[in-house]
Structure formats: structure tokens, C-alpha cells
Amino acid sequence: MSIRTLAGLLLALVCTCIVSVSAHVIVGRTSPTLTTAFVSSPSAASDAPIRVVWSATDTQLRVACFNAANTSPVRVDRPGWPRITGVGFELPGSPSGFALMAPLNGDWELIEDVQASIPGHASVTLDFAIRSRVNPTGRTPGRPDDPRGIPPGQPAVRGSGTRFCVSGPFPDLLPNLTTADPLDTIPTTIEALINGVVVAFDGVVGAPRDGSDVGVWDNPARIIPMYP
């Protein structure tokens, strides 16, 4: 097999990974066997953000929902851990004006323009991140037996875990990462947005940085940063 043929096959494989993805397996950068997640759109790979329209006026706001499941194995010495304590997104450009729509039980908060440290890479800017309100020890004040965050041991299936819904200026088109043409775009789907997801874990046994880890999509197409 020639080098040119092999390169073509590899490019085709990457294209297939990006275009036909139907869910995302997330793996921790420092503890890949101990910190894993499954992030997916609500019902199908074709799910797209919902337009917010007032009468005939497009507000340019969109609502995107996704599920995050913590598929990490449960710690034997500390049941209920490790937990997912944050989910953030890299998006093209520098959009702002995002708001958390669900869940609204007070366990989660949305913040914008977050610097995320990903082991093995320079820091990347997350346009927004949803994080649980926990203190550095992982204990929730007043709820020591029911800490916040997403518990481990959940199945890697669509609809598993916690459902998040976010409103904001999600783009209608995304760069087509399968080509080198910066003007080539594809319609936005929630799965394509999830390509740039970053997941934070806490309470990881044996992990550095006080038992924390950061996970990204386990796929060769996941470059860091996603949108240089």
C-alpha cells in the first residue's frame, strides 16, 4: 500500500469519525481507566439546537440540550466517587450570553470564558462551563451523604446521566473539520458541538492535583484546541 493511499484511508476514517458520530466517549487524560464519561444529544445524532423565535423574528438564540453520564468505575474505598463536577465546551469564535435552563435545582451553575488546564496541552478557553457547587474537598455543605455532581457507574447509553439544557448564541454553522478549507461549514448538530466538550472529574483515587482529572472525546479527531 502506497503512502498516498494510506493517507487517504486515514483521512477518510477521520471524516467518518466526525460526520457520523452518534455519541461521545470521554476519557480522562491522567487516569483513563478510572475517569470516563458518555456525553450525547437527547434523542439522535441529528438533534440540532432549537431556534428561539418571537413572532417572525429570529432572536439568534438557540437552546441545546445534552446528557452527561459518569461511566467511571465506582471506587471501592469511597463509594459514590469519582464524580463529574463540570462540563464545558469549546466553540468557534468567542460567543457569550449563555444561560443554564436545566437543571435549575441549585446544584449547578454556568460560567463563561473559563480557562481549562488539560494535561499534555496548553490551557484552552471554554466559552462556557457548567459546574457543580462543591467545595475543594468534594463535600456539599449540609449534605455530606448526598454530594453534588454526577455519580459514577452509569451506563454508556443515550439518555443516561444528567440532562443539561443551555440557551445562547450557538452558531447555525460549524467549521467542517474534515477539510482544510476555512470557509467550508456544516449545519450545527448537538453532537458536533459535543466534539469540543471537556469534562472535569473529582475524587479520583491516585490521580495528581488533589484527585482531579480532565477528560476529552476519545477520538483522533479531537484536536486541542478544537478551534485554533
C-alpha atoms as a PDB file:
ATOM      1  CA  MET A   1       0.000   0.000   0.000  1.00  0.00           C
ATOM      2  CA  SER A   2       1.409   3.391  -1.013  1.00  0.00           C
ATOM      3  CA  ILE A   3       1.838   6.255   1.437  1.00  0.00           C
ATOM      4  CA  ARG A   4      -0.670   8.298  -0.569  1.00  0.00           C
ATOM      5  CA  THR A   5      -3.273   5.512  -0.349  1.00  0.00           C
ATOM      6  CA  LEU A   6      -2.693   5.086   3.390  1.00  0.00           C
ATOM      7  CA  ALA A   7      -3.033   8.827   3.964  1.00  0.00           C
ATOM      8  CA  GLY A   8      -6.295   8.804   2.027  1.00  0.00           C
ATOM      9  CA  LEU A   9      -7.661   5.966   4.139  1.00  0.00           C
ATOM     10  CA  LEU A  10      -6.694   7.730   7.369  1.00  0.00           C
ATOM     11  CA  LEU A  11      -8.359  10.948   6.212  1.00  0.00           C
ATOM     12  CA  ALA A  12     -11.498   9.023   5.291  1.00  0.00           C
ATOM     13  CA  LEU A  13     -11.506   7.409   8.733  1.00  0.00           C
ATOM     14  CA  VAL A  14     -11.236  10.775  10.474  1.00  0.00           C
ATOM     15  CA  CYS A  15     -14.012  12.183   8.272  1.00  0.00           C
ATOM     16  CA  THR A  16     -16.270   9.265   9.170  1.00  0.00           C
ATOM     17  CA  CYS A  17     -15.497   9.710  12.873  1.00  0.00           C
ATOM     18  CA  ILE A  18     -16.554  13.358  12.789  1.00  0.00           C
ATOM     19  CA  VAL A  19     -19.540  13.191  10.442  1.00  0.00           C
ATOM     20  CA  SER A  20     -21.261  10.000  11.600  1.00  0.00           C
ATOM     21  CA  VAL A  21     -20.631  10.263  15.345  1.00  0.00           C
ATOM     22  CA  SER A  22     -23.722   9.447  17.385  1.00  0.00           C
ATOM     23  CA  ALA A  23     -22.340   9.896  20.908  1.00  0.00           C
ATOM     24  CA  HIS A  24     -19.083  10.691  22.617  1.00  0.00           C
ATOM     25  CA  VAL A  25     -16.932   8.510  24.852  1.00  0.00           C
ATOM     26  CA  ILE A  26     -14.884  10.747  27.152  1.00  0.00           C
ATOM     27  CA  VAL A  27     -11.638   9.543  28.723  1.00  0.00           C
ATOM     28  CA  GLY A  28      -9.577  11.202  31.452  1.00  0.00           C
ATOM     29  CA  ARG A  29      -6.172  12.494  30.436  1.00  0.00           C
ATOM     30  CA  THR A  30      -4.292  11.322  33.546  1.00  0.00           C
ATOM     31  CA  SER A  31      -6.429   8.381  34.738  1.00  0.00           C
ATOM     32  CA  PRO A  32      -8.011   6.969  31.553  1.00  0.00           C
ATOM     33  CA  THR A  33      -9.185   3.741  33.208  1.00  0.00           C
ATOM     34  CA  LEU A  34     -10.638   5.471  36.268  1.00  0.00           C
ATOM     35  CA  THR A  35     -12.371   8.518  34.731  1.00  0.00           C
ATOM     36  CA  THR A  36     -14.729   8.023  31.800  1.00  0.00           C
ATOM     37  CA  ALA A  37     -17.955   9.633  30.656  1.00  0.00           C
ATOM     38  CA  PHE A  38     -20.578   9.367  27.922  1.00  0.00           C
ATOM     39  CA  VAL A  39     -21.943  12.628  26.501  1.00  0.00           C
ATOM     40  CA  SER A  40     -24.732  12.563  23.925  1.00  0.00           C
ATOM     41  CA  SER A  41     -27.520  14.535  22.293  1.00  0.00           C
ATOM     42  CA  PRO A  42     -31.023  13.845  23.671  1.00  0.00           C
ATOM     43  CA  SER A  43     -32.558  11.524  21.075  1.00  0.00           C
ATOM     44  CA  ALA A  44     -30.497  11.055  17.907  1.00  0.00           C
ATOM     45  CA  ALA A  45     -27.261  12.021  16.167  1.00  0.00           C
ATOM     46  CA  SER A  46     -29.205  14.512  14.049  1.00  0.00           C
ATOM     47  CA  ASP A  47     -30.521  16.517  17.032  1.00  0.00           C
ATOM     48  CA  ALA A  48     -29.944  20.239  16.432  1.00  0.00           C
ATOM     49  CA  PRO A  49     -30.191  23.271  18.731  1.00  0.00           C
ATOM     50  CA  ILE A  50     -33.725  24.706  18.811  1.00  0.00           C
ATOM     51  CA  ARG A  51     -34.229  28.204  17.424  1.00  0.00           C
ATOM     52  CA  VAL A  52     -35.822  30.789  19.721  1.00  0.00           C
ATOM     53  CA  VAL A  53     -38.219  32.764  17.504  1.00  0.00           C
ATOM     54  CA  TRP A  54     -40.501  35.588  18.600  1.00  0.00           C
ATOM     55  CA  SER A  55     -43.322  36.013  16.070  1.00  0.00           C
ATOM     56  CA  ALA A  56     -41.415  36.228  12.778  1.00  0.00           C
ATOM     57  CA  THR A  57     -38.208  37.491  14.400  1.00  0.00           C
ATOM     58  CA  ASP A  58     -35.282  35.155  14.921  1.00  0.00           C
ATOM     59  CA  THR A  59     -33.663  36.127  18.235  1.00  0.00           C
ATOM     60  CA  GLN A  60     -30.386  34.433  17.170  1.00  0.00           C
ATOM     61  CA  LEU A  61     -30.632  32.463  20.415  1.00  0.00           C
ATOM     62  CA  ARG A  62     -30.684  28.681  20.383  1.00  0.00           C
ATOM     63  CA  VAL A  63     -31.366  26.036  23.034  1.00  0.00           C
ATOM     64  CA  ALA A  64     -29.137  22.967  23.124  1.00  0.00           C
ATOM     65  CA  CYS A  65     -29.704  20.006  25.446  1.00  0.00           C
ATOM     66  CA  PHE A  66     -27.356  17.102  26.095  1.00  0.00           C
ATOM     67  CA  ASN A  67     -26.878  14.249  28.551  1.00  0.00           C
ATOM     68  CA  ALA A  68     -23.720  13.609  30.554  1.00  0.00           C
ATOM     69  CA  ALA A  69     -23.295  10.183  32.153  1.00  0.00           C
ATOM     70  CA  ASN A  70     -20.460   9.266  34.506  1.00  0.00           C
ATOM     71  CA  THR A  71     -19.335   5.828  33.335  1.00  0.00           C
ATOM     72  CA  SER A  72     -16.304   5.748  35.658  1.00  0.00           C
ATOM     73  CA  PRO A  73     -15.954   2.648  37.843  1.00  0.00           C
ATOM     74  CA  VAL A  74     -17.088   3.171  41.426  1.00  0.00           C
ATOM     75  CA  ARG A  75     -14.285   3.491  43.946  1.00  0.00           C
ATOM     76  CA  VAL A  76     -14.206   0.578  46.373  1.00  0.00           C
ATOM     77  CA  ASP A  77     -12.772   2.703  49.179  1.00  0.00           C
ATOM     78  CA  ARG A  78     -15.138   5.630  48.615  1.00  0.00           C
ATOM     79  CA  PRO A  79     -18.496   4.652  47.104  1.00  0.00           C
ATOM     80  CA  GLY A  80     -20.127   7.390  45.062  1.00  0.00           C
ATOM     81  CA  TRP A  81     -16.827   8.678  43.686  1.00  0.00           C
ATOM     82  CA  PRO A  82     -15.250   9.845  41.394  1.00  0.00           C
ATOM     83  CA  ARG A  83     -17.872  12.383  40.352  1.00  0.00           C
ATOM     84  CA  ILE A  84     -18.298  14.594  37.314  1.00  0.00           C
ATOM     85  CA  THR A  85     -18.176  18.138  38.660  1.00  0.00           C
ATOM     86  CA  GLY A  86     -18.028  20.142  35.451  1.00  0.00           C
ATOM     87  CA  VAL A  87     -18.838  20.028  31.733  1.00  0.00           C
ATOM     88  CA  GLY A  88     -17.516  22.752  29.414  1.00  0.00           C
ATOM     89  CA  PHE A  89     -17.465  23.481  25.688  1.00  0.00           C
ATOM     90  CA  GLU A  90     -15.062  24.904  23.146  1.00  0.00           C
ATOM     91  CA  LEU A  91     -16.964  26.735  20.391  1.00  0.00           C
ATOM     92  CA  PRO A  92     -15.760  28.594  17.299  1.00  0.00           C
ATOM     93  CA  GLY A  93     -15.270  32.312  17.762  1.00  0.00           C
ATOM     94  CA  SER A  94     -15.870  33.911  21.143  1.00  0.00           C
ATOM     95  CA  PRO A  95     -19.634  33.792  21.752  1.00  0.00           C
ATOM     96  CA  SER A  96     -21.121  34.944  25.056  1.00  0.00           C
ATOM     97  CA  GLY A  97     -24.544  35.252  26.633  1.00  0.00           C
ATOM     98  CA  PHE A  98     -25.167  31.628  27.604  1.00  0.00           C
ATOM     99  CA  ALA A  99     -27.578  30.667  30.393  1.00  0.00           C
ATOM    100  CA  LEU A 100     -28.392  27.406  32.146  1.00  0.00           C
ATOM    101  CA  MET A 101     -32.026  26.413  31.602  1.00  0.00           C
ATOM    102  CA  ALA A 102     -31.979  22.967  33.219  1.00  0.00           C
ATOM    103  CA  PRO A 103     -31.471  21.660  35.799  1.00  0.00           C
ATOM    104  CA  LEU A 104     -32.390  24.619  37.999  1.00  0.00           C
ATOM    105  CA  ASN A 105     -32.253  22.905  41.389  1.00  0.00           C
ATOM    106  CA  GLY A 106     -29.292  24.971  42.581  1.00  0.00           C
ATOM    107  CA  ASP A 107     -26.747  22.165  42.272  1.00  0.00           C
ATOM    108  CA  TRP A 108     -25.235  23.552  39.062  1.00  0.00           C
ATOM    109  CA  GLU A 109     -24.120  26.935  37.763  1.00  0.00           C
ATOM    110  CA  LEU A 110     -22.986  28.212  34.355  1.00  0.00           C
ATOM    111  CA  ILE A 111     -19.921  30.395  33.931  1.00  0.00           C
ATOM    112  CA  GLU A 112     -18.398  31.826  30.754  1.00  0.00           C
ATOM    113  CA  ASP A 113     -14.870  32.314  29.448  1.00  0.00           C
ATOM    114  CA  VAL A 114     -13.270  29.558  31.525  1.00  0.00           C
ATOM    115  CA  GLN A 115      -9.594  28.631  31.265  1.00  0.00           C
ATOM    116  CA  ALA A 116      -9.286  24.848  31.346  1.00  0.00           C
ATOM    117  CA  SER A 117      -5.994  23.103  32.035  1.00  0.00           C
ATOM    118  CA  ILE A 118      -5.834  19.875  30.005  1.00  0.00           C
ATOM    119  CA  PRO A 119      -2.890  17.610  30.878  1.00  0.00           C
ATOM    120  CA  GLY A 120      -0.454  17.364  27.980  1.00  0.00           C
ATOM    121  CA  HIS A 121      -1.698  20.571  26.381  1.00  0.00           C
ATOM    122  CA  ALA A 122      -1.700  24.286  26.930  1.00  0.00           C
ATOM    123  CA  SER A 123      -4.750  25.816  28.588  1.00  0.00           C
ATOM    124  CA  VAL A 124      -7.804  26.211  26.393  1.00  0.00           C
ATOM    125  CA  THR A 125     -10.655  28.679  26.675  1.00  0.00           C
ATOM    126  CA  LEU A 126     -14.092  27.194  27.227  1.00  0.00           C
ATOM    127  CA  ASP A 127     -16.846  29.507  26.017  1.00  0.00           C
ATOM    128  CA  PHE A 128     -18.995  28.225  28.869  1.00  0.00           C
ATOM    129  CA  ALA A 129     -18.838  25.564  31.541  1.00  0.00           C
ATOM    130  CA  ILE A 130     -21.476  24.073  33.802  1.00  0.00           C
ATOM    131  CA  ARG A 131     -20.045  23.207  37.180  1.00  0.00           C
ATOM    132  CA  SER A 132     -21.403  21.750  40.391  1.00  0.00           C
ATOM    133  CA  ARG A 133     -21.322  23.881  43.508  1.00  0.00           C
ATOM    134  CA  VAL A 134     -18.870  21.901  45.644  1.00  0.00           C
ATOM    135  CA  ASN A 135     -16.009  22.942  47.842  1.00  0.00           C
ATOM    136  CA  PRO A 136     -12.443  21.628  47.271  1.00  0.00           C
ATOM    137  CA  THR A 137     -12.991  18.575  49.469  1.00  0.00           C
ATOM    138  CA  GLY A 138     -15.913  17.417  47.365  1.00  0.00           C
ATOM    139  CA  ARG A 139     -18.290  17.681  50.303  1.00  0.00           C
ATOM    140  CA  THR A 140     -21.520  19.592  49.933  1.00  0.00           C
ATOM    141  CA  PRO A 141     -22.352  21.809  52.923  1.00  0.00           C
ATOM    142  CA  GLY A 142     -25.386  20.428  54.722  1.00  0.00           C
ATOM    143  CA  ARG A 143     -25.486  17.332  52.513  1.00  0.00           C
ATOM    144  CA  PRO A 144     -22.476  15.168  53.439  1.00  0.00           C
ATOM    145  CA  ASP A 145     -24.223  11.959  52.339  1.00  0.00           C
ATOM    146  CA  ASP A 146     -25.609  13.408  49.115  1.00  0.00           C
ATOM    147  CA  PRO A 147     -22.834  15.393  47.418  1.00  0.00           C
ATOM    148  CA  ARG A 148     -23.414  17.277  44.205  1.00  0.00           C
ATOM    149  CA  GLY A 149     -22.008  16.252  40.855  1.00  0.00           C
ATOM    150  CA  ILE A 150     -22.772  13.193  38.739  1.00  0.00           C
ATOM    151  CA  PRO A 151     -22.071   9.853  40.458  1.00  0.00           C
ATOM    152  CA  PRO A 152     -20.124   7.010  38.802  1.00  0.00           C
ATOM    153  CA  GLY A 153     -21.271   3.655  37.488  1.00  0.00           C
ATOM    154  CA  GLN A 154     -23.818   4.950  34.967  1.00  0.00           C
ATOM    155  CA  PRO A 155     -24.401   3.161  31.633  1.00  0.00           C
ATOM    156  CA  ALA A 156     -22.962   4.455  28.375  1.00  0.00           C
ATOM    157  CA  VAL A 157     -26.303   4.849  26.620  1.00  0.00           C
ATOM    158  CA  ARG A 158     -28.125   7.845  25.199  1.00  0.00           C
ATOM    159  CA  GLY A 159     -30.334   9.495  27.809  1.00  0.00           C
ATOM    160  CA  SER A 160     -28.270   8.252  30.753  1.00  0.00           C
ATOM    161  CA  GLY A 161     -26.940  10.584  33.434  1.00  0.00           C
ATOM    162  CA  THR A 162     -27.925  14.221  33.873  1.00  0.00           C
ATOM    163  CA  ARG A 163     -29.763  16.254  31.228  1.00  0.00           C
ATOM    164  CA  PHE A 164     -28.469  19.803  30.742  1.00  0.00           C
ATOM    165  CA  CYS A 165     -30.136  22.493  28.635  1.00  0.00           C
ATOM    166  CA  VAL A 166     -28.371  25.742  27.748  1.00  0.00           C
ATOM    167  CA  SER A 167     -29.593  28.795  25.853  1.00  0.00           C
ATOM    168  CA  GLY A 168     -27.283  31.126  23.986  1.00  0.00           C
ATOM    169  CA  PRO A 169     -25.870  32.216  20.639  1.00  0.00           C
ATOM    170  CA  PHE A 170     -24.990  28.761  19.355  1.00  0.00           C
ATOM    171  CA  PRO A 171     -23.897  29.055  15.712  1.00  0.00           C
ATOM    172  CA  ASP A 172     -26.079  27.628  12.947  1.00  0.00           C
ATOM    173  CA  LEU A 173     -22.959  26.505  11.079  1.00  0.00           C
ATOM    174  CA  LEU A 174     -19.711  24.957  12.307  1.00  0.00           C
ATOM    175  CA  PRO A 175     -16.332  24.656  10.572  1.00  0.00           C
ATOM    176  CA  ASN A 176     -16.029  21.429   8.598  1.00  0.00           C
ATOM    177  CA  LEU A 177     -13.037  19.880  10.336  1.00  0.00           C
ATOM    178  CA  THR A 178     -12.717  17.199   7.658  1.00  0.00           C
ATOM    179  CA  THR A 179     -11.359  19.725   5.128  1.00  0.00           C
ATOM    180  CA  ALA A 180      -8.608  22.322   5.136  1.00  0.00           C
ATOM    181  CA  ASP A 181     -10.915  24.991   3.711  1.00  0.00           C
ATOM    182  CA  PRO A 182     -11.692  27.556   6.459  1.00  0.00           C
ATOM    183  CA  LEU A 183     -14.816  28.608   4.545  1.00  0.00           C
ATOM    184  CA  ASP A 184     -16.256  25.083   4.419  1.00  0.00           C
ATOM    185  CA  THR A 185     -19.020  24.653   7.013  1.00  0.00           C
ATOM    186  CA  ILE A 186     -21.609  22.095   8.109  1.00  0.00           C
ATOM    187  CA  PRO A 187     -25.015  22.562   9.781  1.00  0.00           C
ATOM    188  CA  THR A 188     -24.738  22.576  13.558  1.00  0.00           C
ATOM    189  CA  THR A 189     -25.849  19.483  15.436  1.00  0.00           C
ATOM    190  CA  ILE A 190     -25.584  18.919  19.163  1.00  0.00           C
ATOM    191  CA  GLU A 191     -23.224  16.007  18.559  1.00  0.00           C
ATOM    192  CA  ALA A 192     -20.925  18.316  16.560  1.00  0.00           C
ATOM    193  CA  LEU A 193     -20.955  20.765  19.483  1.00  0.00           C
ATOM    194  CA  ILE A 194     -20.015  17.914  21.816  1.00  0.00           C
ATOM    195  CA  ASN A 195     -16.834  17.343  19.778  1.00  0.00           C
ATOM    196  CA  GLY A 196     -15.350  20.182  21.831  1.00  0.00           C
ATOM    197  CA  VAL A 197     -16.564  19.024  25.247  1.00  0.00           C
ATOM    198  CA  VAL A 198     -14.277  18.999  28.301  1.00  0.00           C
ATOM    199  CA  VAL A 199     -15.327  17.048  31.416  1.00  0.00           C
ATOM    200  CA  ALA A 200     -13.983  17.612  34.936  1.00  0.00           C
ATOM    201  CA  PHE A 201     -13.746  14.787  37.486  1.00  0.00           C
ATOM    202  CA  ASP A 202     -13.076  14.990  41.224  1.00  0.00           C
ATOM    203  CA  GLY A 203     -12.398  12.360  43.866  1.00  0.00           C
ATOM    204  CA  VAL A 204     -10.154  10.237  41.639  1.00  0.00           C
ATOM    205  CA  VAL A 205      -8.043   7.766  43.580  1.00  0.00           C
ATOM    206  CA  GLY A 206      -4.324   8.046  42.894  1.00  0.00           C
ATOM    207  CA  ALA A 207      -4.705  10.992  40.489  1.00  0.00           C
ATOM    208  CA  PRO A 208      -2.458  14.051  40.775  1.00  0.00           C
ATOM    209  CA  ARG A 209      -3.707  17.543  41.535  1.00  0.00           C
ATOM    210  CA  ASP A 210      -5.667  16.501  44.634  1.00  0.00           C
ATOM    211  CA  GLY A 211      -7.564  13.676  42.984  1.00  0.00           C
ATOM    212  CA  SER A 212      -8.896  15.537  39.938  1.00  0.00           C
ATOM    213  CA  ASP A 213      -8.796  14.766  36.232  1.00  0.00           C
ATOM    214  CA  VAL A 214      -9.962  16.270  32.949  1.00  0.00           C
ATOM    215  CA  GLY A 215     -11.433  14.230  30.110  1.00  0.00           C
ATOM    216  CA  VAL A 216     -11.998  14.883  26.403  1.00  0.00           C
ATOM    217  CA  TRP A 217     -13.502  12.975  23.485  1.00  0.00           C
ATOM    218  CA  ASP A 218     -11.570   9.733  22.917  1.00  0.00           C
ATOM    219  CA  ASN A 219     -11.122  10.149  19.169  1.00  0.00           C
ATOM    220  CA  PRO A 220      -8.215  11.136  16.860  1.00  0.00           C
ATOM    221  CA  ALA A 221     -10.441  13.925  15.510  1.00  0.00           C
ATOM    222  CA  ARG A 222     -10.367  15.647  18.917  1.00  0.00           C
ATOM    223  CA  ILE A 223      -7.645  18.229  18.477  1.00  0.00           C
ATOM    224  CA  ILE A 224      -6.816  20.605  21.322  1.00  0.00           C
ATOM    225  CA  PRO A 225      -7.777  23.368  20.993  1.00  0.00           C
ATOM    226  CA  MET A 226     -10.758  22.323  18.865  1.00  0.00           C
ATOM    227  CA  TYR A 227     -10.935  25.665  17.067  1.00  0.00           C
ATOM    228  CA  PRO A 228      -7.422  27.194  16.992  1.00  0.00           C
END
